[in-house]
């Protein structure tokens, strides 16, 4: 089908593996709940 569109935020491009890695980042206190929630909603940006 072709590629999912990547997600961009503050000049950084994210894709699906970044969402998985954000689980560990949230667990380690590197990102807050607001950022984690935004990643969950947006990193997988399209079909």
ModelCIF file with pLDDT and N, C-alpha, C, O atoms, coordinates in Angstrom:
data_MODEL
#
_entry.id   MODEL 
#
_entity.id                         1 
_entity.type                       polymer 
_entity.pdbx_number_of_molecules   1 
#
_entity_poly.entity_id                      1 
_entity_poly.type                           'polypeptide(L)' 
_entity_poly.nstd_linkage                   no 
_entity_poly.nstd_monomer                   no 
_entity_poly.pdbx_seq_one_letter_code       
;(UNK)(UNK)(UNK)(UNK)(UNK)(UNK)(UNK)(UNK)(UNK)(UNK)(UNK)(UNK)(UNK)(UNK)(UNK)(UNK)
(UNK)(UNK)(UNK)(UNK)(UNK)(UNK)(UNK)(UNK)(UNK)(UNK)(UNK)(UNK)(UNK)(UNK)(UNK)(UNK)
(UNK)(UNK)(UNK)(UNK)(UNK)(UNK)(UNK)(UNK)(UNK)(UNK)(UNK)(UNK)(UNK)(UNK)(UNK)
;
_entity_poly.pdbx_seq_one_letter_code_can   XXXXXXXXXXXXXXXXXXXXXXXXXXXXXXXXXXXXXXXXXXXXXXX 
_entity_poly.pdbx_strand_id                 A 
#
loop_
_entity_poly_seq.entity_id 
_entity_poly_seq.num 
_entity_poly_seq.mon_id 
_entity_poly_seq.hetero 
1 1  UNK n 
1 2  UNK n 
1 3  UNK n 
1 4  UNK n 
1 5  UNK n 
1 6  UNK n 
1 7  UNK n 
1 8  UNK n 
1 9  UNK n 
1 10 UNK n 
1 11 UNK n 
1 12 UNK n 
1 13 UNK n 
1 14 UNK n 
1 15 UNK n 
1 16 UNK n 
1 17 UNK n 
1 18 UNK n 
1 19 UNK n 
1 20 UNK n 
1 21 UNK n 
1 22 UNK n 
1 23 UNK n 
1 24 UNK n 
1 25 UNK n 
1 26 UNK n 
1 27 UNK n 
1 28 UNK n 
1 29 UNK n 
1 30 UNK n 
1 31 UNK n 
1 32 UNK n 
1 33 UNK n 
1 34 UNK n 
1 35 UNK n 
1 36 UNK n 
1 37 UNK n 
1 38 UNK n 
1 39 UNK n 
1 40 UNK n 
1 41 UNK n 
1 42 UNK n 
1 43 UNK n 
1 44 UNK n 
1 45 UNK n 
1 46 UNK n 
1 47 UNK n 
#
_struct_asym.id          A 
_struct_asym.entity_id   1 
#
loop_
_ma_qa_metric.id 
_ma_qa_metric.mode 
_ma_qa_metric.name 
_ma_qa_metric.software_group_id 
_ma_qa_metric.type 
1 global pLDDT . pLDDT 
2 local  pLDDT . pLDDT 
#
_ma_qa_metric_global.metric_id      1 
_ma_qa_metric_global.metric_value   90.53 
_ma_qa_metric_global.model_id       1 
_ma_qa_metric_global.ordinal_id     1 
#
loop_
_ma_qa_metric_local.label_asym_id 
_ma_qa_metric_local.label_comp_id 
_ma_qa_metric_local.label_seq_id 
_ma_qa_metric_local.metric_id 
_ma_qa_metric_local.metric_value 
_ma_qa_metric_local.model_id 
_ma_qa_metric_local.ordinal_id 
A UNK 1  2 97.00 1 1  
A UNK 2  2 96.00 1 2  
A UNK 3  2 95.00 1 3  
A UNK 4  2 94.00 1 4  
A UNK 5  2 94.00 1 5  
A UNK 6  2 92.00 1 6  
A UNK 7  2 93.00 1 7  
A UNK 8  2 92.00 1 8  
A UNK 9  2 92.00 1 9  
A UNK 10 2 90.00 1 10 
A UNK 11 2 89.00 1 11 
A UNK 12 2 90.00 1 12 
A UNK 13 2 91.00 1 13 
A UNK 14 2 91.00 1 14 
A UNK 15 2 90.00 1 15 
A UNK 16 2 88.00 1 16 
A UNK 17 2 83.00 1 17 
A UNK 18 2 88.00 1 18 
A UNK 19 2 89.00 1 19 
A UNK 20 2 79.00 1 20 
A UNK 21 2 82.00 1 21 
A UNK 22 2 88.00 1 22 
A UNK 23 2 82.00 1 23 
A UNK 24 2 80.00 1 24 
A UNK 25 2 86.00 1 25 
A UNK 26 2 89.00 1 26 
A UNK 27 2 81.00 1 27 
A UNK 28 2 81.00 1 28 
A UNK 29 2 90.00 1 29 
A UNK 30 2 91.00 1 30 
A UNK 31 2 92.00 1 31 
A UNK 32 2 93.00 1 32 
A UNK 33 2 94.00 1 33 
A UNK 34 2 95.00 1 34 
A UNK 35 2 94.00 1 35 
A UNK 36 2 93.00 1 36 
A UNK 37 2 94.00 1 37 
A UNK 38 2 95.00 1 38 
A UNK 39 2 94.00 1 39 
A UNK 40 2 93.00 1 40 
A UNK 41 2 94.00 1 41 
A UNK 42 2 94.00 1 42 
A UNK 43 2 93.00 1 43 
A UNK 44 2 92.00 1 44 
A UNK 45 2 92.00 1 45 
A UNK 46 2 95.00 1 46 
A UNK 47 2 95.00 1 47 
#
loop_
_atom_site.group_PDB 
_atom_site.id 
_atom_site.type_symbol 
_atom_site.label_atom_id 
_atom_site.label_alt_id 
_atom_site.label_comp_id 
_atom_site.label_asym_id 
_atom_site.label_entity_id 
_atom_site.label_seq_id 
_atom_site.pdbx_PDB_ins_code 
_atom_site.Cartn_x 
_atom_site.Cartn_y 
_atom_site.Cartn_z 
_atom_site.occupancy 
_atom_site.B_iso_or_equiv 
_atom_site.pdbx_formal_charge 
_atom_site.auth_seq_id 
_atom_site.auth_comp_id 
_atom_site.auth_asym_id 
_atom_site.auth_atom_id 
_atom_site.pdbx_PDB_model_num 
ATOM 1   N N  . UNK A 1 1  ? 0.779  -1.237 0.000  1.00 97.00 ? 1  UNK A N  1 
ATOM 2   C CA . UNK A 1 1  ? 0.000  0.000  0.000  1.00 97.00 ? 1  UNK A CA 1 
ATOM 3   C C  . UNK A 1 1  ? 0.805  1.278  0.000  1.00 97.00 ? 1  UNK A C  1 
ATOM 4   O O  . UNK A 1 1  ? 0.267  2.342  -0.305 1.00 97.00 ? 1  UNK A O  1 
ATOM 5   N N  . UNK A 1 2  ? 2.085  1.201  0.336  1.00 96.00 ? 2  UNK A N  1 
ATOM 6   C CA . UNK A 1 2  ? 2.882  2.407  0.506  1.00 96.00 ? 2  UNK A CA 1 
ATOM 7   C C  . UNK A 1 2  ? 2.994  2.776  1.970  1.00 96.00 ? 2  UNK A C  1 
ATOM 8   O O  . UNK A 1 2  ? 2.408  2.131  2.839  1.00 96.00 ? 2  UNK A O  1 
ATOM 9   N N  . UNK A 1 3  ? 3.754  3.823  2.226  1.00 95.00 ? 3  UNK A N  1 
ATOM 10  C CA . UNK A 1 3  ? 4.176  4.148  3.581  1.00 95.00 ? 3  UNK A CA 1 
ATOM 11  C C  . UNK A 1 3  ? 3.192  5.039  4.326  1.00 95.00 ? 3  UNK A C  1 
ATOM 12  O O  . UNK A 1 3  ? 2.550  5.915  3.746  1.00 95.00 ? 3  UNK A O  1 
ATOM 13  N N  . UNK A 1 4  ? 3.092  4.790  5.632  1.00 94.00 ? 4  UNK A N  1 
ATOM 14  C CA . UNK A 1 4  ? 2.425  5.706  6.557  1.00 94.00 ? 4  UNK A CA 1 
ATOM 15  C C  . UNK A 1 4  ? 3.176  7.036  6.563  1.00 94.00 ? 4  UNK A C  1 
ATOM 16  O O  . UNK A 1 4  ? 4.402  7.055  6.451  1.00 94.00 ? 4  UNK A O  1 
ATOM 17  N N  . UNK A 1 5  ? 2.456  8.136  6.690  1.00 94.00 ? 5  UNK A N  1 
ATOM 18  C CA . UNK A 1 5  ? 3.103  9.437  6.778  1.00 94.00 ? 5  UNK A CA 1 
ATOM 19  C C  . UNK A 1 5  ? 3.776  9.586  8.141  1.00 94.00 ? 5  UNK A C  1 
ATOM 20  O O  . UNK A 1 5  ? 3.171  9.244  9.157  1.00 94.00 ? 5  UNK A O  1 
ATOM 21  N N  . UNK A 1 6  ? 5.006  10.084 8.188  1.00 92.00 ? 6  UNK A N  1 
ATOM 22  C CA . UNK A 1 6  ? 5.665  10.304 9.477  1.00 92.00 ? 6  UNK A CA 1 
ATOM 23  C C  . UNK A 1 6  ? 5.044  11.500 10.209 1.00 92.00 ? 6  UNK A C  1 
ATOM 24  O O  . UNK A 1 6  ? 4.378  12.341 9.606  1.00 92.00 ? 6  UNK A O  1 
ATOM 25  N N  . UNK A 1 7  ? 5.277  11.549 11.505 1.00 93.00 ? 7  UNK A N  1 
ATOM 26  C CA . UNK A 1 7  ? 4.777  12.641 12.352 1.00 93.00 ? 7  UNK A CA 1 
ATOM 27  C C  . UNK A 1 7  ? 5.934  13.573 12.685 1.00 93.00 ? 7  UNK A C  1 
ATOM 28  O O  . UNK A 1 7  ? 7.028  13.122 13.024 1.00 93.00 ? 7  UNK A O  1 
ATOM 29  N N  . UNK A 1 8  ? 5.687  14.876 12.586 1.00 92.00 ? 8  UNK A N  1 
ATOM 30  C CA . UNK A 1 8  ? 6.722  15.857 12.886 1.00 92.00 ? 8  UNK A CA 1 
ATOM 31  C C  . UNK A 1 8  ? 6.296  16.741 14.046 1.00 92.00 ? 8  UNK A C  1 
ATOM 32  O O  . UNK A 1 8  ? 5.148  17.177 14.125 1.00 92.00 ? 8  UNK A O  1 
ATOM 33  N N  . UNK A 1 9  ? 7.244  16.999 14.948 1.00 92.00 ? 9  UNK A N  1 
ATOM 34  C CA . UNK A 1 9  ? 6.982  17.849 16.104 1.00 92.00 ? 9  UNK A CA 1 
ATOM 35  C C  . UNK A 1 9  ? 8.280  18.545 16.500 1.00 92.00 ? 9  UNK A C  1 
ATOM 36  O O  . UNK A 1 9  ? 9.292  17.891 16.755 1.00 92.00 ? 9  UNK A O  1 
ATOM 37  N N  . UNK A 1 10 ? 8.245  19.853 16.547 1.00 90.00 ? 10 UNK A N  1 
ATOM 38  C CA . UNK A 1 10 ? 9.415  20.655 16.937 1.00 90.00 ? 10 UNK A CA 1 
ATOM 39  C C  . UNK A 1 10 ? 10.647 20.325 16.115 1.00 90.00 ? 10 UNK A C  1 
ATOM 40  O O  . UNK A 1 10 ? 11.761 20.251 16.633 1.00 90.00 ? 10 UNK A O  1 
ATOM 41  N N  . UNK A 1 11 ? 10.421 20.126 14.814 1.00 89.00 ? 11 UNK A N  1 
ATOM 42  C CA . UNK A 1 11 ? 11.537 19.860 13.921 1.00 89.00 ? 11 UNK A CA 1 
ATOM 43  C C  . UNK A 1 11 ? 12.064 18.441 13.956 1.00 89.00 ? 11 UNK A C  1 
ATOM 44  O O  . UNK A 1 11 ? 13.049 18.138 13.283 1.00 89.00 ? 11 UNK A O  1 
ATOM 45  N N  . UNK A 1 12 ? 11.436 17.561 14.723 1.00 90.00 ? 12 UNK A N  1 
ATOM 46  C CA . UNK A 1 12 ? 11.853 16.155 14.825 1.00 90.00 ? 12 UNK A CA 1 
ATOM 47  C C  . UNK A 1 12 ? 10.798 15.289 14.146 1.00 90.00 ? 12 UNK A C  1 
ATOM 48  O O  . UNK A 1 12 ? 9.599  15.503 14.324 1.00 90.00 ? 12 UNK A O  1 
ATOM 49  N N  . UNK A 1 13 ? 11.253 14.312 13.368 1.00 91.00 ? 13 UNK A N  1 
ATOM 50  C CA . UNK A 1 13 ? 10.348 13.391 12.682 1.00 91.00 ? 13 UNK A CA 1 
ATOM 51  C C  . UNK A 1 13 ? 10.267 12.085 13.456 1.00 91.00 ? 13 UNK A C  1 
ATOM 52  O O  . UNK A 1 13 ? 11.289 11.512 13.834 1.00 91.00 ? 13 UNK A O  1 
ATOM 53  N N  . UNK A 1 14 ? 9.044  11.620 13.689 1.00 91.00 ? 14 UNK A N  1 
ATOM 54  C CA . UNK A 1 14 ? 8.810  10.403 14.454 1.00 91.00 ? 14 UNK A CA 1 
ATOM 55  C C  . UNK A 1 14 ? 8.100  9.359  13.588 1.00 91.00 ? 14 UNK A C  1 
ATOM 56  O O  . UNK A 1 14 ? 7.370  9.701  12.658 1.00 91.00 ? 14 UNK A O  1 
ATOM 57  N N  . UNK A 1 15 ? 8.326  8.089  13.908 1.00 90.00 ? 15 UNK A N  1 
ATOM 58  C CA . UNK A 1 15 ? 7.602  6.978  13.279 1.00 90.00 ? 15 UNK A CA 1 
ATOM 59  C C  . UNK A 1 15 ? 7.297  5.944  14.360 1.00 90.00 ? 15 UNK A C  1 
ATOM 60  O O  . UNK A 1 15 ? 7.657  6.129  15.522 1.00 90.00 ? 15 UNK A O  1 
ATOM 61  N N  . UNK A 1 16 ? 6.642  4.869  13.975 1.00 88.00 ? 16 UNK A N  1 
ATOM 62  C CA . UNK A 1 16 ? 6.107  3.902  14.929 1.00 88.00 ? 16 UNK A CA 1 
ATOM 63  C C  . UNK A 1 16 ? 7.104  3.438  15.996 1.00 88.00 ? 16 UNK A C  1 
ATOM 64  O O  . UNK A 1 16 ? 6.716  3.382  17.163 1.00 88.00 ? 16 UNK A O  1 
ATOM 65  N N  . UNK A 1 17 ? 8.364  3.099  15.678 1.00 83.00 ? 17 UNK A N  1 
ATOM 66  C CA . UNK A 1 17 ? 9.268  2.629  16.742 1.00 83.00 ? 17 UNK A CA 1 
ATOM 67  C C  . UNK A 1 17 ? 9.519  3.683  17.817 1.00 83.00 ? 17 UNK A C  1 
ATOM 68  O O  . UNK A 1 17 ? 9.823  3.346  18.961 1.00 83.00 ? 17 UNK A O  1 
ATOM 69  N N  . UNK A 1 18 ? 9.390  4.959  17.450 1.00 88.00 ? 18 UNK A N  1 
ATOM 70  C CA . UNK A 1 18 ? 9.559  6.007  18.457 1.00 88.00 ? 18 UNK A CA 1 
ATOM 71  C C  . UNK A 1 18 ? 8.448  5.947  19.497 1.00 88.00 ? 18 UNK A C  1 
ATOM 72  O O  . UNK A 1 18 ? 8.662  6.294  20.658 1.00 88.00 ? 18 UNK A O  1 
ATOM 73  N N  . UNK A 1 19 ? 7.264  5.508  19.084 1.00 89.00 ? 19 UNK A N  1 
ATOM 74  C CA . UNK A 1 19 ? 6.167  5.341  20.038 1.00 89.00 ? 19 UNK A CA 1 
ATOM 75  C C  . UNK A 1 19 ? 6.491  4.235  21.034 1.00 89.00 ? 19 UNK A C  1 
ATOM 76  O O  . UNK A 1 19 ? 6.261  4.384  22.234 1.00 89.00 ? 19 UNK A O  1 
ATOM 77  N N  . UNK A 1 20 ? 7.027  3.122  20.532 1.00 79.00 ? 20 UNK A N  1 
ATOM 78  C CA . UNK A 1 20 ? 7.404  2.020  21.435 1.00 79.00 ? 20 UNK A CA 1 
ATOM 79  C C  . UNK A 1 20 ? 8.478  2.476  22.419 1.00 79.00 ? 20 UNK A C  1 
ATOM 80  O O  . UNK A 1 20 ? 8.404  2.182  23.612 1.00 79.00 ? 20 UNK A O  1 
ATOM 81  N N  . UNK A 1 21 ? 9.477  3.196  21.907 1.00 82.00 ? 21 UNK A N  1 
ATOM 82  C CA . UNK A 1 21 ? 10.575 3.620  22.778 1.00 82.00 ? 21 UNK A CA 1 
ATOM 83  C C  . UNK A 1 21 ? 10.117 4.669  23.785 1.00 82.00 ? 21 UNK A C  1 
ATOM 84  O O  . UNK A 1 21 ? 10.724 4.815  24.846 1.00 82.00 ? 21 UNK A O  1 
ATOM 85  N N  . UNK A 1 22 ? 9.043  5.406  23.457 1.00 88.00 ? 22 UNK A N  1 
ATOM 86  C CA . UNK A 1 22 ? 8.532  6.400  24.403 1.00 88.00 ? 22 UNK A CA 1 
ATOM 87  C C  . UNK A 1 22 ? 7.956  5.734  25.653 1.00 88.00 ? 22 UNK A C  1 
ATOM 88  O O  . UNK A 1 22 ? 7.852  6.375  26.698 1.00 88.00 ? 22 UNK A O  1 
ATOM 89  N N  . UNK A 1 23 ? 7.578  4.441  25.558 1.00 82.00 ? 23 UNK A N  1 
ATOM 90  C CA . UNK A 1 23 ? 7.102  3.717  26.744 1.00 82.00 ? 23 UNK A CA 1 
ATOM 91  C C  . UNK A 1 23 ? 8.210  3.678  27.795 1.00 82.00 ? 23 UNK A C  1 
ATOM 92  O O  . UNK A 1 23 ? 7.982  3.965  28.970 1.00 82.00 ? 23 UNK A O  1 
ATOM 93  N N  . UNK A 1 24 ? 9.427  3.311  27.344 1.00 80.00 ? 24 UNK A N  1 
ATOM 94  C CA . UNK A 1 24 ? 10.566 3.279  28.257 1.00 80.00 ? 24 UNK A CA 1 
ATOM 95  C C  . UNK A 1 24 ? 10.957 4.668  28.728 1.00 80.00 ? 24 UNK A C  1 
ATOM 96  O O  . UNK A 1 24 ? 11.343 4.852  29.882 1.00 80.00 ? 24 UNK A O  1 
ATOM 97  N N  . UNK A 1 25 ? 10.856 5.661  27.821 1.00 86.00 ? 25 UNK A N  1 
ATOM 98  C CA . UNK A 1 25 ? 11.197 7.038  28.190 1.00 86.00 ? 25 UNK A CA 1 
ATOM 99  C C  . UNK A 1 25 ? 10.238 7.565  29.253 1.00 86.00 ? 25 UNK A C  1 
ATOM 100 O O  . UNK A 1 25 ? 10.647 8.264  30.180 1.00 86.00 ? 25 UNK A O  1 
ATOM 101 N N  . UNK A 1 26 ? 8.964  7.226  29.111 1.00 89.00 ? 26 UNK A N  1 
ATOM 102 C CA . UNK A 1 26 ? 7.964  7.639  30.115 1.00 89.00 ? 26 UNK A CA 1 
ATOM 103 C C  . UNK A 1 26 ? 8.229  6.937  31.441 1.00 89.00 ? 26 UNK A C  1 
ATOM 104 O O  . UNK A 1 26 ? 8.144  7.545  32.508 1.00 89.00 ? 26 UNK A O  1 
ATOM 105 N N  . UNK A 1 27 ? 8.551  5.643  31.357 1.00 81.00 ? 27 UNK A N  1 
ATOM 106 C CA . UNK A 1 27 ? 8.850  4.869  32.570 1.00 81.00 ? 27 UNK A CA 1 
ATOM 107 C C  . UNK A 1 27 ? 10.071 5.440  33.292 1.00 81.00 ? 27 UNK A C  1 
ATOM 108 O O  . UNK A 1 27 ? 10.119 5.429  34.522 1.00 81.00 ? 27 UNK A O  1 
ATOM 109 N N  . UNK A 1 28 ? 11.059 5.939  32.542 1.00 81.00 ? 28 UNK A N  1 
ATOM 110 C CA . UNK A 1 28 ? 12.282 6.478  33.138 1.00 81.00 ? 28 UNK A CA 1 
ATOM 111 C C  . UNK A 1 28 ? 12.146 7.946  33.530 1.00 81.00 ? 28 UNK A C  1 
ATOM 112 O O  . UNK A 1 28 ? 13.096 8.544  34.034 1.00 81.00 ? 28 UNK A O  1 
ATOM 113 N N  . UNK A 1 29 ? 10.969 8.531  33.301 1.00 90.00 ? 29 UNK A N  1 
ATOM 114 C CA . UNK A 1 29 ? 10.750 9.919  33.669 1.00 90.00 ? 29 UNK A CA 1 
ATOM 115 C C  . UNK A 1 29 ? 11.337 10.924 32.702 1.00 90.00 ? 29 UNK A C  1 
ATOM 116 O O  . UNK A 1 29 ? 11.487 12.099 33.040 1.00 90.00 ? 29 UNK A O  1 
ATOM 117 N N  . UNK A 1 30 ? 11.675 10.471 31.486 1.00 91.00 ? 30 UNK A N  1 
ATOM 118 C CA . UNK A 1 30 ? 12.279 11.369 30.494 1.00 91.00 ? 30 UNK A CA 1 
ATOM 119 C C  . UNK A 1 30 ? 11.238 12.199 29.759 1.00 91.00 ? 30 UNK A C  1 
ATOM 120 O O  . UNK A 1 30 ? 11.559 13.272 29.248 1.00 91.00 ? 30 UNK A O  1 
ATOM 121 N N  . UNK A 1 31 ? 9.999  11.726 29.693 1.00 92.00 ? 31 UNK A N  1 
ATOM 122 C CA . UNK A 1 31 ? 8.899  12.504 29.133 1.00 92.00 ? 31 UNK A CA 1 
ATOM 123 C C  . UNK A 1 31 ? 7.729  12.461 30.101 1.00 92.00 ? 31 UNK A C  1 
ATOM 124 O O  . UNK A 1 31 ? 7.591  11.517 30.880 1.00 92.00 ? 31 UNK A O  1 
ATOM 125 N N  . UNK A 1 32 ? 6.880  13.497 30.048 1.00 93.00 ? 32 UNK A N  1 
ATOM 126 C CA . UNK A 1 32 ? 5.747  13.539 30.972 1.00 93.00 ? 32 UNK A CA 1 
ATOM 127 C C  . UNK A 1 32 ? 4.504  12.914 30.344 1.00 93.00 ? 32 UNK A C  1 
ATOM 128 O O  . UNK A 1 32 ? 4.511  12.525 29.176 1.00 93.00 ? 32 UNK A O  1 
ATOM 129 N N  . UNK A 1 33 ? 3.435  12.822 31.140 1.00 94.00 ? 33 UNK A N  1 
ATOM 130 C CA . UNK A 1 33 ? 2.207  12.179 30.691 1.00 94.00 ? 33 UNK A CA 1 
ATOM 131 C C  . UNK A 1 33 ? 1.593  12.909 29.500 1.00 94.00 ? 33 UNK A C  1 
ATOM 132 O O  . UNK A 1 33 ? 1.050  12.269 28.599 1.00 94.00 ? 33 UNK A O  1 
ATOM 133 N N  . UNK A 1 34 ? 1.670  14.232 29.484 1.00 95.00 ? 34 UNK A N  1 
ATOM 134 C CA . UNK A 1 34 ? 1.096  15.006 28.375 1.00 95.00 ? 34 UNK A CA 1 
ATOM 135 C C  . UNK A 1 34 ? 1.796  14.670 27.062 1.00 95.00 ? 34 UNK A C  1 
ATOM 136 O O  . UNK A 1 34 ? 1.144  14.461 26.039 1.00 95.00 ? 34 UNK A O  1 
ATOM 137 N N  . UNK A 1 35 ? 3.116  14.619 27.097 1.00 94.00 ? 35 UNK A N  1 
ATOM 138 C CA . UNK A 1 35 ? 3.885  14.275 25.894 1.00 94.00 ? 35 UNK A CA 1 
ATOM 139 C C  . UNK A 1 35 ? 3.613  12.840 25.470 1.00 94.00 ? 35 UNK A C  1 
ATOM 140 O O  . UNK A 1 35 ? 3.432  12.554 24.287 1.00 94.00 ? 35 UNK A O  1 
ATOM 141 N N  . UNK A 1 36 ? 3.586  11.943 26.445 1.00 93.00 ? 36 UNK A N  1 
ATOM 142 C CA . UNK A 1 36 ? 3.324  10.524 26.151 1.00 93.00 ? 36 UNK A CA 1 
ATOM 143 C C  . UNK A 1 36 ? 1.956  10.360 25.495 1.00 93.00 ? 36 UNK A C  1 
ATOM 144 O O  . UNK A 1 36 ? 1.815  9.605  24.533 1.00 93.00 ? 36 UNK A O  1 
ATOM 145 N N  . UNK A 1 37 ? 0.952  11.060 26.008 1.00 94.00 ? 37 UNK A N  1 
ATOM 146 C CA . UNK A 1 37 ? -0.390 10.993 25.435 1.00 94.00 ? 37 UNK A CA 1 
ATOM 147 C C  . UNK A 1 37 ? -0.405 11.554 24.016 1.00 94.00 ? 37 UNK A C  1 
ATOM 148 O O  . UNK A 1 37 ? -1.058 10.994 23.135 1.00 94.00 ? 37 UNK A O  1 
ATOM 149 N N  . UNK A 1 38 ? 0.301  12.643 23.793 1.00 95.00 ? 38 UNK A N  1 
ATOM 150 C CA . UNK A 1 38 ? 0.358  13.238 22.454 1.00 95.00 ? 38 UNK A CA 1 
ATOM 151 C C  . UNK A 1 38 ? 1.045  12.291 21.466 1.00 95.00 ? 38 UNK A C  1 
ATOM 152 O O  . UNK A 1 38 ? 0.619  12.179 20.317 1.00 95.00 ? 38 UNK A O  1 
ATOM 153 N N  . UNK A 1 39 ? 2.080  11.627 21.901 1.00 94.00 ? 39 UNK A N  1 
ATOM 154 C CA . UNK A 1 39 ? 2.760  10.653 21.043 1.00 94.00 ? 39 UNK A CA 1 
ATOM 155 C C  . UNK A 1 39 ? 1.818  9.506  20.680 1.00 94.00 ? 39 UNK A C  1 
ATOM 156 O O  . UNK A 1 39 ? 1.757  9.082  19.526 1.00 94.00 ? 39 UNK A O  1 
ATOM 157 N N  . UNK A 1 40 ? 1.085  9.011  21.678 1.00 93.00 ? 40 UNK A N  1 
ATOM 158 C CA . UNK A 1 40 ? 0.160  7.910  21.419 1.00 93.00 ? 40 UNK A CA 1 
ATOM 159 C C  . UNK A 1 40 ? -0.872 8.294  20.357 1.00 93.00 ? 40 UNK A C  1 
ATOM 160 O O  . UNK A 1 40 ? -1.250 7.467  19.527 1.00 93.00 ? 40 UNK A O  1 
ATOM 161 N N  . UNK A 1 41 ? -1.308 9.506  20.385 1.00 94.00 ? 41 UNK A N  1 
ATOM 162 C CA . UNK A 1 41 ? -2.357 9.952  19.481 1.00 94.00 ? 41 UNK A CA 1 
ATOM 163 C C  . UNK A 1 41 ? -1.856 10.306 18.085 1.00 94.00 ? 41 UNK A C  1 
ATOM 164 O O  . UNK A 1 41 ? -2.622 10.260 17.122 1.00 94.00 ? 41 UNK A O  1 
ATOM 165 N N  . UNK A 1 42 ? -0.569 10.661 17.965 1.00 94.00 ? 42 UNK A N  1 
ATOM 166 C CA . UNK A 1 42 ? -0.117 11.279 16.719 1.00 94.00 ? 42 UNK A CA 1 
ATOM 167 C C  . UNK A 1 42 ? 1.023  10.587 15.980 1.00 94.00 ? 42 UNK A C  1 
ATOM 168 O O  . UNK A 1 42 ? 1.142  10.753 14.766 1.00 94.00 ? 42 UNK A O  1 
ATOM 169 N N  . UNK A 1 43 ? 1.862  9.820  16.663 1.00 93.00 ? 43 UNK A N  1 
ATOM 170 C CA . UNK A 1 43 ? 3.041  9.274  15.978 1.00 93.00 ? 43 UNK A CA 1 
ATOM 171 C C  . UNK A 1 43 ? 2.636  8.364  14.821 1.00 93.00 ? 43 UNK A C  1 
ATOM 172 O O  . UNK A 1 43 ? 3.231  8.438  13.746 1.00 93.00 ? 43 UNK A O  1 
ATOM 173 N N  . UNK A 1 44 ? 1.642  7.517  15.021 1.00 92.00 ? 44 UNK A N  1 
ATOM 174 C CA . UNK A 1 44 ? 1.109  6.729  13.893 1.00 92.00 ? 44 UNK A CA 1 
ATOM 175 C C  . UNK A 1 44 ? 0.134  7.651  13.163 1.00 92.00 ? 44 UNK A C  1 
ATOM 176 O O  . UNK A 1 44 ? -1.056 7.685  13.476 1.00 92.00 ? 44 UNK A O  1 
ATOM 177 N N  . UNK A 1 45 ? 0.652  8.400  12.183 1.00 92.00 ? 45 UNK A N  1 
ATOM 178 C CA . UNK A 1 45 ? -0.024 9.599  11.696 1.00 92.00 ? 45 UNK A CA 1 
ATOM 179 C C  . UNK A 1 45 ? -1.069 9.347  10.617 1.00 92.00 ? 45 UNK A C  1 
ATOM 180 O O  . UNK A 1 45 ? -1.899 10.219 10.360 1.00 92.00 ? 45 UNK A O  1 
ATOM 181 N N  . UNK A 1 46 ? -1.051 8.187  9.984  1.00 95.00 ? 46 UNK A N  1 
ATOM 182 C CA . UNK A 1 46 ? -1.990 7.942  8.883  1.00 95.00 ? 46 UNK A CA 1 
ATOM 183 C C  . UNK A 1 46 ? -2.076 6.451  8.625  1.00 95.00 ? 46 UNK A C  1 
ATOM 184 O O  . UNK A 1 46 ? -1.424 5.655  9.301  1.00 95.00 ? 46 UNK A O  1 
ATOM 185 N N  . UNK A 1 47 ? -2.884 6.077  7.643  1.00 95.00 ? 47 UNK A N  1 
ATOM 186 C CA . UNK A 1 47 ? -2.838 4.700  7.157  1.00 95.00 ? 47 UNK A CA 1 
ATOM 187 C C  . UNK A 1 47 ? -1.549 4.465  6.381  1.00 95.00 ? 47 UNK A C  1 
ATOM 188 O O  . UNK A 1 47 ? -1.318 3.362  5.887  1.00 95.00 ? 47 UNK A O  1 
#
